[in-house]
Amino acid sequence: MESEFVTTPLGGLDPIDQYILDALRKDGREAFSQIAEQLKVSPGMIRQRYNRLVEMGVLKVVAITNPIQRGYKTMAMIGIRTDGQRMLQVAEQVAALQEVVYLIVVSGHYDLMAEVFCRDHEDLLRFLTEKLSVIEGVRETESFMHLKIIKEVYF
């Protein structure tokens, strides 16, 4: 359940790598030829750098969809307390649930924080009562409904 990204020190990336990353963060479909033109290098160089960044685990390209446009109108963060000795097993089972889009092990009042997308309030209720609460080792949950997203960054 580890992250697919490898930790790489910033010092391992030069200004060209940083520029490529910044350009693709702004527009993941920007052509290598456009990036190359701005940097005054060949498109082949950009392609090689891009492939290296992917191989290193620094860069992963995915499509980001709008959950509301896909019919998921109810979003929530859920704090989950577990039986301590079962925390990682619980995390694996929670991660396998379709509604869970983000799951982290945390310190503090909760052991896990999960972000879930559901079709509506009834769907969220079914998720909480029929899927999450029946996982052995889940002791307690607290739901925090998304009211408005103020900032969303894909770093």
C-alpha atoms as a PDB file:
ATOM      1  CA  MET A   1       0.000   0.000   0.000  1.00  0.00           C
ATOM      2  CA  GLU A   2       3.012   2.258  -0.368  1.00  0.00           C
ATOM      3  CA  SER A   3       2.965   5.294  -2.621  1.00  0.00           C
ATOM      4  CA  GLU A   4       3.941   4.691  -6.228  1.00  0.00           C
ATOM      5  CA  PHE A   5       6.203   7.742  -6.149  1.00  0.00           C
ATOM      6  CA  VAL A   6       9.827   7.406  -5.119  1.00  0.00           C
ATOM      7  CA  THR A   7      11.233  10.098  -2.875  1.00  0.00           C
ATOM      8  CA  THR A   8      13.851  12.016  -4.862  1.00  0.00           C
ATOM      9  CA  PRO A   9      15.793  14.948  -3.447  1.00  0.00           C
ATOM     10  CA  LEU A  10      15.180  18.229  -5.249  1.00  0.00           C
ATOM     11  CA  GLY A  11      18.906  18.345  -5.917  1.00  0.00           C
ATOM     12  CA  GLY A  12      18.445  15.397  -8.297  1.00  0.00           C
ATOM     13  CA  LEU A  13      16.415  17.546 -10.698  1.00  0.00           C
ATOM     14  CA  ASP A  14      17.949  20.271 -12.801  1.00  0.00           C
ATOM     15  CA  PRO A  15      16.179  23.406 -14.085  1.00  0.00           C
ATOM     16  CA  ILE A  16      15.097  21.660 -17.297  1.00  0.00           C
ATOM     17  CA  ASP A  17      13.467  18.849 -15.298  1.00  0.00           C
ATOM     18  CA  GLN A  18      11.742  21.420 -13.078  1.00  0.00           C
ATOM     19  CA  TYR A  19      10.488  23.334 -16.119  1.00  0.00           C
ATOM     20  CA  ILE A  20       9.081  20.157 -17.678  1.00  0.00           C
ATOM     21  CA  LEU A  21       7.302  19.295 -14.429  1.00  0.00           C
ATOM     22  CA  ASP A  22       5.874  22.811 -14.068  1.00  0.00           C
ATOM     23  CA  ALA A  23       4.709  22.893 -17.695  1.00  0.00           C
ATOM     24  CA  LEU A  24       2.965  19.541 -17.395  1.00  0.00           C
ATOM     25  CA  ARG A  25       1.366  20.490 -14.068  1.00  0.00           C
ATOM     26  CA  LYS A  26      -0.245  23.464 -15.821  1.00  0.00           C
ATOM     27  CA  ASP A  27      -1.275  21.468 -18.888  1.00  0.00           C
ATOM     28  CA  GLY A  28      -0.577  17.748 -18.938  1.00  0.00           C
ATOM     29  CA  ARG A  29      -1.247  17.693 -22.683  1.00  0.00           C
ATOM     30  CA  GLU A  30       1.332  20.309 -23.631  1.00  0.00           C
ATOM     31  CA  ALA A  31       3.357  18.997 -26.561  1.00  0.00           C
ATOM     32  CA  PHE A  32       7.004  18.153 -26.042  1.00  0.00           C
ATOM     33  CA  SER A  33       7.765  20.356 -29.054  1.00  0.00           C
ATOM     34  CA  GLN A  34       6.218  23.389 -27.311  1.00  0.00           C
ATOM     35  CA  ILE A  35       8.198  22.760 -24.134  1.00  0.00           C
ATOM     36  CA  ALA A  36      11.358  22.253 -26.202  1.00  0.00           C
ATOM     37  CA  GLU A  37      10.762  25.495 -28.086  1.00  0.00           C
ATOM     38  CA  GLN A  38      10.418  27.452 -24.845  1.00  0.00           C
ATOM     39  CA  LEU A  39      13.630  25.901 -23.505  1.00  0.00           C
ATOM     40  CA  LYS A  40      15.458  26.147 -26.854  1.00  0.00           C
ATOM     41  CA  VAL A  41      16.284  22.437 -26.872  1.00  0.00           C
ATOM     42  CA  SER A  42      15.193  19.530 -29.071  1.00  0.00           C
ATOM     43  CA  PRO A  43      11.856  17.738 -28.591  1.00  0.00           C
ATOM     44  CA  GLY A  44      13.873  14.501 -28.343  1.00  0.00           C
ATOM     45  CA  MET A  45      15.635  15.845 -25.270  1.00  0.00           C
ATOM     46  CA  ILE A  46      12.294  16.663 -23.642  1.00  0.00           C
ATOM     47  CA  ARG A  47      10.998  13.163 -24.486  1.00  0.00           C
ATOM     48  CA  GLN A  48      14.102  11.575 -22.923  1.00  0.00           C
ATOM     49  CA  ARG A  49      13.807  13.744 -19.813  1.00  0.00           C
ATOM     50  CA  TYR A  50      10.085  12.966 -19.539  1.00  0.00           C
ATOM     51  CA  ASN A  51      10.730   9.208 -19.794  1.00  0.00           C
ATOM     52  CA  ARG A  52      13.491   9.458 -17.184  1.00  0.00           C
ATOM     53  CA  LEU A  53      11.208  11.369 -14.798  1.00  0.00           C
ATOM     54  CA  VAL A  54       8.553   8.671 -15.212  1.00  0.00           C
ATOM     55  CA  GLU A  55      11.092   5.859 -14.683  1.00  0.00           C
ATOM     56  CA  MET A  56      12.439   7.605 -11.566  1.00  0.00           C
ATOM     57  CA  GLY A  57       8.925   7.784 -10.131  1.00  0.00           C
ATOM     58  CA  VAL A  58       9.002  11.592 -10.004  1.00  0.00           C
ATOM     59  CA  LEU A  59       6.225  11.950 -12.584  1.00  0.00           C
ATOM     60  CA  LYS A  60       3.032  10.026 -13.163  1.00  0.00           C
ATOM     61  CA  VAL A  61       0.513  11.187 -15.720  1.00  0.00           C
ATOM     62  CA  VAL A  62      -3.174  10.493 -15.030  1.00  0.00           C
ATOM     63  CA  ALA A  63      -6.517  11.899 -16.086  1.00  0.00           C
ATOM     64  CA  ILE A  64      -8.189  13.953 -13.367  1.00  0.00           C
ATOM     65  CA  THR A  65     -11.949  13.831 -13.588  1.00  0.00           C
ATOM     66  CA  ASN A  66     -14.599  16.044 -12.050  1.00  0.00           C
ATOM     67  CA  PRO A  67     -16.494  13.815  -9.593  1.00  0.00           C
ATOM     68  CA  ILE A  68     -19.572  16.053  -9.600  1.00  0.00           C
ATOM     69  CA  GLN A  69     -19.856  15.793 -13.387  1.00  0.00           C
ATOM     70  CA  ARG A  70     -19.600  12.005 -13.009  1.00  0.00           C
ATOM     71  CA  GLY A  71     -22.545  11.909 -10.587  1.00  0.00           C
ATOM     72  CA  TYR A  72     -20.688  11.870  -7.256  1.00  0.00           C
ATOM     73  CA  LYS A  73     -22.397  14.716  -5.440  1.00  0.00           C
ATOM     74  CA  THR A  74     -21.508  13.751  -1.852  1.00  0.00           C
ATOM     75  CA  MET A  75     -17.915  13.882  -0.696  1.00  0.00           C
ATOM     76  CA  ALA A  76     -16.599  13.435   2.818  1.00  0.00           C
ATOM     77  CA  MET A  77     -13.442  12.974   4.844  1.00  0.00           C
ATOM     78  CA  ILE A  78     -13.813  10.209   7.393  1.00  0.00           C
ATOM     79  CA  GLY A  79     -11.662   9.862  10.487  1.00  0.00           C
ATOM     80  CA  ILE A  80     -11.306   6.192  11.425  1.00  0.00           C
ATOM     81  CA  ARG A  81     -10.136   4.783  14.753  1.00  0.00           C
ATOM     82  CA  THR A  82      -8.967   1.192  14.682  1.00  0.00           C
ATOM     83  CA  ASP A  83      -7.834  -1.533  17.013  1.00  0.00           C
ATOM     84  CA  GLY A  84      -4.136  -0.670  17.148  1.00  0.00           C
ATOM     85  CA  GLN A  85      -2.838  -4.099  16.235  1.00  0.00           C
ATOM     86  CA  ARG A  86      -5.140  -4.243  13.184  1.00  0.00           C
ATOM     87  CA  MET A  87      -4.546  -0.728  11.838  1.00  0.00           C
ATOM     88  CA  LEU A  88      -2.669  -1.706   8.671  1.00  0.00           C
ATOM     89  CA  GLN A  89      -5.014  -4.611   7.898  1.00  0.00           C
ATOM     90  CA  VAL A  90      -7.964  -2.242   8.298  1.00  0.00           C
ATOM     91  CA  ALA A  91      -6.218   0.267   6.033  1.00  0.00           C
ATOM     92  CA  GLU A  92      -5.815  -2.380   3.310  1.00  0.00           C
ATOM     93  CA  GLN A  93      -9.507  -3.278   3.476  1.00  0.00           C
ATOM     94  CA  VAL A  94     -10.639   0.351   3.489  1.00  0.00           C
ATOM     95  CA  ALA A  95      -8.357   1.116   0.537  1.00  0.00           C
ATOM     96  CA  ALA A  96     -10.078  -1.641  -1.451  1.00  0.00           C
ATOM     97  CA  LEU A  97     -13.494   0.041  -1.159  1.00  0.00           C
ATOM     98  CA  GLN A  98     -14.587   1.676  -4.422  1.00  0.00           C
ATOM     99  CA  GLU A  99     -15.791   4.889  -2.754  1.00  0.00           C
ATOM    100  CA  VAL A 100     -12.390   5.584  -1.155  1.00  0.00           C
ATOM    101  CA  VAL A 101     -10.270   7.894  -3.310  1.00  0.00           C
ATOM    102  CA  TYR A 102      -7.618   8.843  -0.746  1.00  0.00           C
ATOM    103  CA  LEU A 103      -6.467   7.072   2.404  1.00  0.00           C
ATOM    104  CA  ILE A 104      -3.677   7.950   4.802  1.00  0.00           C
ATOM    105  CA  VAL A 105      -2.383   6.629   8.108  1.00  0.00           C
ATOM    106  CA  VAL A 106      -2.154   9.548  10.528  1.00  0.00           C
ATOM    107  CA  SER A 107      -1.149  10.360  14.076  1.00  0.00           C
ATOM    108  CA  GLY A 108      -3.507  12.006  16.507  1.00  0.00           C
ATOM    109  CA  HIS A 109      -7.133  11.312  17.369  1.00  0.00           C
ATOM    110  CA  TYR A 110      -7.678   9.068  14.330  1.00  0.00           C
ATOM    111  CA  ASP A 111      -5.570   6.286  12.904  1.00  0.00           C
ATOM    112  CA  LEU A 112      -6.745   6.681   9.311  1.00  0.00           C
ATOM    113  CA  MET A 113      -8.265   9.470   7.243  1.00  0.00           C
ATOM    114  CA  ALA A 114     -10.238   8.491   4.172  1.00  0.00           C
ATOM    115  CA  GLU A 115     -11.709  10.703   1.490  1.00  0.00           C
ATOM    116  CA  VAL A 116     -14.786   9.195  -0.131  1.00  0.00           C
ATOM    117  CA  PHE A 117     -16.951  10.115  -3.114  1.00  0.00           C
ATOM    118  CA  CYS A 118     -20.563   8.915  -3.081  1.00  0.00           C
ATOM    119  CA  ARG A 119     -23.527   9.482  -5.394  1.00  0.00           C
ATOM    120  CA  ASP A 120     -25.706  11.035  -2.671  1.00  0.00           C
ATOM    121  CA  HIS A 121     -26.370  11.005   1.089  1.00  0.00           C
ATOM    122  CA  GLU A 122     -28.084   7.611   0.921  1.00  0.00           C
ATOM    123  CA  ASP A 123     -25.059   6.170  -0.857  1.00  0.00           C
ATOM    124  CA  LEU A 124     -22.796   7.608   1.874  1.00  0.00           C
ATOM    125  CA  LEU A 125     -25.031   6.098   4.561  1.00  0.00           C
ATOM    126  CA  ARG A 126     -24.833   2.672   2.860  1.00  0.00           C
ATOM    127  CA  PHE A 127     -21.050   3.038   2.636  1.00  0.00           C
ATOM    128  CA  LEU A 128     -20.762   3.868   6.345  1.00  0.00           C
ATOM    129  CA  THR A 129     -23.173   1.211   7.630  1.00  0.00           C
ATOM    130  CA  GLU A 130     -22.761  -1.658   5.171  1.00  0.00           C
ATOM    131  CA  LYS A 131     -19.124  -1.411   4.120  1.00  0.00           C
ATOM    132  CA  LEU A 132     -16.945   0.587   6.505  1.00  0.00           C
ATOM    133  CA  SER A 133     -18.454  -0.286   9.887  1.00  0.00           C
ATOM    134  CA  VAL A 134     -18.425  -4.031   9.187  1.00  0.00           C
ATOM    135  CA  ILE A 135     -14.644  -4.176   8.689  1.00  0.00           C
ATOM    136  CA  GLU A 136     -13.155  -6.015  11.633  1.00  0.00           C
ATOM    137  CA  GLY A 137     -10.945  -3.642  13.598  1.00  0.00           C
ATOM    138  CA  VAL A 138     -12.876  -0.436  12.833  1.00  0.00           C
ATOM    139  CA  ARG A 139     -13.761   0.943  16.268  1.00  0.00           C
ATOM    140  CA  GLU A 140     -15.161   4.375  15.488  1.00  0.00           C
ATOM    141  CA  THR A 141     -15.646   6.779  12.592  1.00  0.00           C
ATOM    142  CA  GLU A 142     -16.435  10.457  12.245  1.00  0.00           C
ATOM    143  CA  SER A 143     -17.558  11.966   8.960  1.00  0.00           C
ATOM    144  CA  PHE A 144     -16.760  15.462   7.739  1.00  0.00           C
ATOM    145  CA  MET A 145     -18.901  16.428   4.745  1.00  0.00           C
ATOM    146  CA  HIS A 146     -17.303  18.526   2.017  1.00  0.00           C
ATOM    147  CA  LEU A 147     -19.287  21.759   1.807  1.00  0.00           C
ATOM    148  CA  LYS A 148     -17.055  23.638  -0.610  1.00  0.00           C
ATOM    149  CA  ILE A 149     -13.601  23.000  -2.039  1.00  0.00           C
ATOM    150  CA  ILE A 150     -11.555  26.180  -1.683  1.00  0.00           C
ATOM    151  CA  LYS A 151      -8.205  24.911  -2.948  1.00  0.00           C
ATOM    152  CA  GLU A 152      -7.221  21.769  -4.789  1.00  0.00           C
ATOM    153  CA  VAL A 153      -3.623  21.312  -5.902  1.00  0.00           C
ATOM    154  CA  TYR A 154      -2.057  18.362  -7.673  1.00  0.00           C
ATOM    155  CA  PHE A 155       1.582  18.624  -6.709  1.00  0.00           C
END
